[in-house]
C-alpha atoms as a PDB file:
ATOM      1  CA  MET A   1       6.161 -12.398   1.103  1.00  0.00           C
ATOM      2  CA  ALA A   2       8.075 -11.904  -2.154  1.00  0.00           C
ATOM      3  CA  LYS A   3      10.101 -15.090  -1.713  1.00  0.00           C
ATOM      4  CA  ASN A   4       6.885 -17.069  -2.228  1.00  0.00           C
ATOM      5  CA  LEU A   5       6.072 -15.323  -5.511  1.00  0.00           C
ATOM      6  CA  ARG A   6       7.123 -16.177  -9.013  1.00  0.00           C
ATOM      7  CA  TRP A   7       8.753 -13.485 -11.125  1.00  0.00           C
ATOM      8  CA  GLY A   8       5.469 -12.638 -12.873  1.00  0.00           C
ATOM      9  CA  GLY A   9       3.846 -12.001  -9.497  1.00  0.00           C
ATOM     10  CA  ILE A  10       6.806  -9.951  -8.358  1.00  0.00           C
ATOM     11  CA  LEU A  11       6.644  -7.809 -11.494  1.00  0.00           C
ATOM     12  CA  PHE A  12       2.879  -7.355 -11.085  1.00  0.00           C
ATOM     13  CA  ALA A  13       3.325  -6.396  -7.418  1.00  0.00           C
ATOM     14  CA  GLY A  14       6.102  -3.998  -8.429  1.00  0.00           C
ATOM     15  CA  ALA A  15       3.850  -2.383 -11.018  1.00  0.00           C
ATOM     16  CA  ILE A  16       1.065  -1.960  -8.455  1.00  0.00           C
ATOM     17  CA  THR A  17       3.535  -0.489  -5.952  1.00  0.00           C
ATOM     18  CA  ALA A  18       4.845   1.940  -8.583  1.00  0.00           C
ATOM     19  CA  MET A  19       1.269   2.955  -9.451  1.00  0.00           C
ATOM     20  CA  ALA A  20       0.488   3.495  -5.772  1.00  0.00           C
ATOM     21  CA  GLY A  21       3.631   5.603  -5.408  1.00  0.00           C
ATOM     22  CA  PHE A  22       2.601   7.700  -8.398  1.00  0.00           C
ATOM     23  CA  VAL A  23      -0.920   8.193  -7.019  1.00  0.00           C
ATOM     24  CA  ASP A  24       0.564   9.050  -3.626  1.00  0.00           C
ATOM     25  CA  GLY A  25       3.029  11.557  -5.105  1.00  0.00           C
ATOM     26  CA  VAL A  26       0.435  13.313  -7.238  1.00  0.00           C
ATOM     27  CA  GLY A  27      -1.990  13.317  -4.320  1.00  0.00           C
ATOM     28  CA  PHE A  28       0.656  14.693  -1.964  1.00  0.00           C
ATOM     29  CA  VAL A  29       1.277  17.651  -4.267  1.00  0.00           C
ATOM     30  CA  HIS A  30      -2.368  18.174  -5.257  1.00  0.00           C
ATOM     31  CA  PHE A  31      -3.917  17.785  -1.787  1.00  0.00           C
ATOM     32  CA  GLY A  32      -1.484  19.939   0.166  1.00  0.00           C
ATOM     33  CA  GLY A  33       0.871  17.403   1.711  1.00  0.00           C
ATOM     34  CA  TYR A  34      -1.553  14.612   2.555  1.00  0.00           C
ATOM     35  CA  PHE A  35      -0.927  11.050   1.454  1.00  0.00           C
ATOM     36  CA  LEU A  36      -3.287   8.764  -0.425  1.00  0.00           C
ATOM     37  CA  SER A  37      -1.490   5.486   0.235  1.00  0.00           C
ATOM     38  CA  PHE A  38       1.173   6.236   2.868  1.00  0.00           C
ATOM     39  CA  MET A  39      -0.940   6.058   6.012  1.00  0.00           C
ATOM     40  CA  SER A  40       2.030   6.384   8.381  1.00  0.00           C
ATOM     41  CA  GLY A  41       2.601   9.821   6.884  1.00  0.00           C
ATOM     42  CA  ASN A  42      -1.023  10.743   7.541  1.00  0.00           C
ATOM     43  CA  SER A  43      -0.852   9.524  11.126  1.00  0.00           C
ATOM     44  CA  THR A  44       2.217  11.744  11.600  1.00  0.00           C
ATOM     45  CA  ARG A  45       0.383  14.657   9.962  1.00  0.00           C
ATOM     46  CA  SER A  46      -2.647  14.078  12.209  1.00  0.00           C
ATOM     47  CA  SER A  47      -0.520  14.069  15.374  1.00  0.00           C
ATOM     48  CA  ALA A  48       1.297  17.238  14.339  1.00  0.00           C
ATOM     49  CA  ALA A  49      -2.009  18.920  13.499  1.00  0.00           C
ATOM     50  CA  LEU A  50      -3.513  17.892  16.822  1.00  0.00           C
ATOM     51  CA  MET A  51      -0.526  19.203  18.759  1.00  0.00           C
ATOM     52  CA  THR A  52      -0.699  22.570  16.990  1.00  0.00           C
ATOM     53  CA  GLY A  53      -4.452  22.874  17.410  1.00  0.00           C
ATOM     54  CA  ASP A  54      -5.197  22.400  13.710  1.00  0.00           C
ATOM     55  CA  LEU A  55      -8.462  20.456  13.948  1.00  0.00           C
ATOM     56  CA  THR A  56      -9.082  20.693  10.192  1.00  0.00           C
ATOM     57  CA  GLY A  57      -5.668  19.203   9.441  1.00  0.00           C
ATOM     58  CA  TRP A  58      -6.312  16.390  11.924  1.00  0.00           C
ATOM     59  CA  ILE A  59      -9.697  15.654  10.324  1.00  0.00           C
ATOM     60  CA  ASN A  60      -8.184  15.702   6.820  1.00  0.00           C
ATOM     61  CA  ALA A  61      -5.428  13.244   7.733  1.00  0.00           C
ATOM     62  CA  MET A  62      -7.646  10.905   9.744  1.00  0.00           C
ATOM     63  CA  SER A  63     -10.346  10.933   7.056  1.00  0.00           C
ATOM     64  CA  LEU A  64      -7.800   9.602   4.580  1.00  0.00           C
ATOM     65  CA  VAL A  65      -6.704   6.912   7.044  1.00  0.00           C
ATOM     66  CA  ALA A  66     -10.337   5.927   7.628  1.00  0.00           C
ATOM     67  CA  SER A  67     -11.030   5.852   3.889  1.00  0.00           C
ATOM     68  CA  PHE A  68      -7.994   3.612   3.306  1.00  0.00           C
ATOM     69  CA  VAL A  69      -9.174   1.188   6.009  1.00  0.00           C
ATOM     70  CA  ILE A  70     -12.745   1.229   4.664  1.00  0.00           C
ATOM     71  CA  GLY A  71     -11.354   0.315   1.229  1.00  0.00           C
ATOM     72  CA  VAL A  72      -9.547  -2.662   2.781  1.00  0.00           C
ATOM     73  CA  VAL A  73     -12.683  -3.732   4.672  1.00  0.00           C
ATOM     74  CA  ILE A  74     -14.984  -3.561   1.643  1.00  0.00           C
ATOM     75  CA  ALA A  75     -12.485  -5.362  -0.605  1.00  0.00           C
ATOM     76  CA  THR A  76     -12.021  -8.060   2.046  1.00  0.00           C
ATOM     77  CA  LEU A  77     -15.775  -8.569   2.272  1.00  0.00           C
ATOM     78  CA  LEU A  78     -16.162  -8.663  -1.514  1.00  0.00           C
ATOM     79  CA  THR A  79     -13.338 -11.137  -2.080  1.00  0.00           C
ATOM     80  CA  SER A  80     -13.480 -13.339   1.023  1.00  0.00           C
ATOM     81  CA  SER A  81     -15.477 -16.156  -0.567  1.00  0.00           C
ATOM     82  CA  LEU A  82     -13.778 -15.855  -3.973  1.00  0.00           C
ATOM     83  CA  ALA A  83     -10.124 -16.496  -3.154  1.00  0.00           C
ATOM     84  CA  ALA A  84      -9.278 -17.609  -6.708  1.00  0.00           C
ATOM     85  CA  LEU A  85     -10.606 -14.310  -8.072  1.00  0.00           C
ATOM     86  CA  ARG A  86      -9.349 -12.087  -5.246  1.00  0.00           C
ATOM     87  CA  ARG A  87      -6.648 -10.288  -7.243  1.00  0.00           C
ATOM     88  CA  PRO A  88      -8.720  -9.446 -10.340  1.00  0.00           C
ATOM     89  CA  LEU A  89     -11.735  -8.444  -8.234  1.00  0.00           C
ATOM     90  CA  ALA A  90      -9.591  -6.183  -6.075  1.00  0.00           C
ATOM     91  CA  MET A  91      -7.993  -4.621  -9.144  1.00  0.00           C
ATOM     92  CA  TYR A  92     -11.362  -4.009 -10.849  1.00  0.00           C
ATOM     93  CA  PHE A  93     -12.827  -2.561  -7.660  1.00  0.00           C
ATOM     94  CA  SER A  94      -9.791  -0.314  -7.231  1.00  0.00           C
ATOM     95  CA  ALA A  95     -10.033   0.786 -10.872  1.00  0.00           C
ATOM     96  CA  GLY A  96     -13.707   1.610 -10.330  1.00  0.00           C
ATOM     97  CA  LEU A  97     -12.809   3.797  -7.360  1.00  0.00           C
ATOM     98  CA  VAL A  98     -10.091   5.539  -9.383  1.00  0.00           C
ATOM     99  CA  LEU A  99     -12.601   6.217 -12.186  1.00  0.00           C
ATOM    100  CA  ALA A 100     -15.117   7.556  -9.646  1.00  0.00           C
ATOM    101  CA  ALA A 101     -12.349   9.788  -8.255  1.00  0.00           C
ATOM    102  CA  ALA A 102     -11.608  11.058 -11.764  1.00  0.00           C
ATOM    103  CA  ALA A 103     -15.291  11.878 -12.236  1.00  0.00           C
ATOM    104  CA  THR A 104     -15.397  13.913  -9.008  1.00  0.00           C
ATOM    105  CA  GLY A 105     -12.009  15.581  -9.528  1.00  0.00           C
ATOM    106  CA  THR A 106     -13.034  19.114 -10.367  1.00  0.00           C
ATOM    107  CA  VAL A 107     -16.341  19.152  -8.504  1.00  0.00           C
ATOM    108  CA  GLN A 108     -15.474  17.534  -5.163  1.00  0.00           C
ATOM    109  CA  PRO A 109     -11.710  17.416  -4.509  1.00  0.00           C
ATOM    110  CA  ASN A 110     -12.222  16.077  -0.972  1.00  0.00           C
ATOM    111  CA  ALA A 111     -14.300  13.178  -2.306  1.00  0.00           C
ATOM    112  CA  THR A 112     -11.610  12.573  -4.919  1.00  0.00           C
ATOM    113  CA  ALA A 113      -8.933  12.231  -2.235  1.00  0.00           C
ATOM    114  CA  LEU A 114     -11.105   9.883  -0.164  1.00  0.00           C
ATOM    115  CA  LEU A 115     -11.938   7.691  -3.170  1.00  0.00           C
ATOM    116  CA  LEU A 116      -8.276   7.464  -4.184  1.00  0.00           C
ATOM    117  CA  SER A 117      -7.246   6.598  -0.634  1.00  0.00           C
ATOM    118  CA  ALA A 118      -9.892   3.852  -0.537  1.00  0.00           C
ATOM    119  CA  ALA A 119      -8.599   2.558  -3.891  1.00  0.00           C
ATOM    120  CA  MET A 120      -5.091   2.335  -2.427  1.00  0.00           C
ATOM    121  CA  GLY A 121      -6.479   0.342   0.498  1.00  0.00           C
ATOM    122  CA  VAL A 122      -8.240  -2.008  -1.908  1.00  0.00           C
ATOM    123  CA  VAL A 123      -5.090  -2.928  -3.842  1.00  0.00           C
ATOM    124  CA  ASN A 124      -3.507  -4.253  -0.646  1.00  0.00           C
ATOM    125  CA  VAL A 125      -6.153  -6.988  -0.502  1.00  0.00           C
ATOM    126  CA  SER A 126      -4.928  -8.423  -3.805  1.00  0.00           C
ATOM    127  CA  TYR A 127      -1.990 -10.201  -2.131  1.00  0.00           C
ATOM    128  CA  THR A 128      -3.778 -11.887   0.766  1.00  0.00           C
ATOM    129  CA  ARG A 129      -3.092 -15.398   2.042  1.00  0.00           C
ATOM    130  CA  SER A 130      -4.934 -17.118   4.864  1.00  0.00           C
ATOM    131  CA  GLY A 131      -6.818 -13.922   5.641  1.00  0.00           C
ATOM    132  CA  GLU A 132      -3.681 -11.794   6.080  1.00  0.00           C
ATOM    133  CA  VAL A 133      -1.706  -9.512   3.804  1.00  0.00           C
ATOM    134  CA  ALA A 134       1.129 -11.531   2.284  1.00  0.00           C
ATOM    135  CA  LEU A 135       2.742  -8.553   0.558  1.00  0.00           C
ATOM    136  CA  GLY A 136       2.164  -4.894   1.367  1.00  0.00           C
ATOM    137  CA  LEU A 137       1.852  -2.931  -1.847  1.00  0.00           C
ATOM    138  CA  THR A 138       1.370   0.667  -0.776  1.00  0.00           C
ATOM    139  CA  TYR A 139       3.783   0.745   2.122  1.00  0.00           C
ATOM    140  CA  MET A 140       7.453  -0.008   1.943  1.00  0.00           C
ATOM    141  CA  THR A 141       8.903   0.032   5.471  1.00  0.00           C
ATOM    142  CA  GLY A 142       8.412  -3.693   6.135  1.00  0.00           C
ATOM    143  CA  THR A 143       9.585  -4.543   2.628  1.00  0.00           C
ATOM    144  CA  LEU A 144      12.716  -2.414   3.052  1.00  0.00           C
ATOM    145  CA  VAL A 145      13.447  -4.080   6.409  1.00  0.00           C
ATOM    146  CA  LYS A 146      13.127  -7.509   4.766  1.00  0.00           C
ATOM    147  CA  LEU A 147      15.413  -6.350   1.930  1.00  0.00           C
ATOM    148  CA  GLY A 148      17.996  -5.131   4.434  1.00  0.00           C
ATOM    149  CA  GLN A 149      17.812  -8.374   6.396  1.00  0.00           C
ATOM    150  CA  ALA A 150      18.221 -10.467   3.236  1.00  0.00           C
ATOM    151  CA  LEU A 151      21.188  -8.346   2.100  1.00  0.00           C
ATOM    152  CA  GLY A 152      22.721  -8.572   5.572  1.00  0.00           C
ATOM    153  CA  GLY A 153      22.276 -12.356   5.546  1.00  0.00           C
ATOM    154  CA  ALA A 154      23.883 -12.588   2.110  1.00  0.00           C
ATOM    155  CA  ILE A 155      26.848 -10.452   3.198  1.00  0.00           C
ATOM    156  CA  LEU A 156      27.286 -12.489   6.388  1.00  0.00           C
ATOM    157  CA  GLY A 157      27.185 -15.662   4.328  1.00  0.00           C
ATOM    158  CA  LEU A 158      29.886 -14.308   2.003  1.00  0.00           C
ATOM    159  CA  VAL A 159      32.092 -13.022   4.807  1.00  0.00           C
ATOM    160  CA  THR A 160      31.863 -16.133   6.961  1.00  0.00           C
ATOM    161  CA  GLY A 161      31.631 -18.594   4.091  1.00  0.00           C
ATOM    162  CA  SER A 162      28.566 -20.078   5.735  1.00  0.00           C
ATOM    163  CA  ASN A 163      25.485 -21.201   3.869  1.00  0.00           C
ATOM    164  CA  GLN A 164      23.644 -21.914   7.106  1.00  0.00           C
ATOM    165  CA  GLY A 165      19.993 -21.324   6.174  1.00  0.00           C
ATOM    166  CA  VAL A 166      20.915 -18.354   3.997  1.00  0.00           C
ATOM    167  CA  ASN A 167      19.672 -17.874   0.465  1.00  0.00           C
ATOM    168  CA  ARG A 168      22.194 -15.327  -0.807  1.00  0.00           C
ATOM    169  CA  LEU A 169      19.938 -14.226  -3.658  1.00  0.00           C
ATOM    170  CA  LEU A 170      16.750 -13.780  -1.611  1.00  0.00           C
ATOM    171  CA  TRP A 171      17.258  -9.997  -1.591  1.00  0.00           C
ATOM    172  CA  LEU A 172      16.699  -9.912  -5.370  1.00  0.00           C
ATOM    173  CA  ARG A 173      13.053 -10.762  -4.878  1.00  0.00           C
END
């Protein structure tokens, strides 16, 4: 969670999130409306494709979801015994997948999309504590809910004049 991070970690996480958003946006345009890091979007696409009888669309969306999960699994296995090096190892592994995707770009666009989706899964392992994701980097819904809750708590604290367990500046992080 961001409240447990120092500003350097928050800035690094923000940079990774921005990079993932860029990769997702370019991928969305380049790969015909499929996401490389936003797996909720792909699950929605897969359901819509299934309901309209578009088996190819369902396979495309679910392949990206599977690739993302496989990236998380492999990165977890690679970094599980090296907690102190988890972040740099995850970043190097992700960079390697991005370079492999760049190498396949013009020859195998489907492989490119799968490699990029796996790379986006890998970056999420970089902020793991006690075997669980401490900060989601390529998905924002939970982060936005936490932001809204922190802002709501700050506003309630201002309106009521209460400081009861409320850190009014928590929403900044």
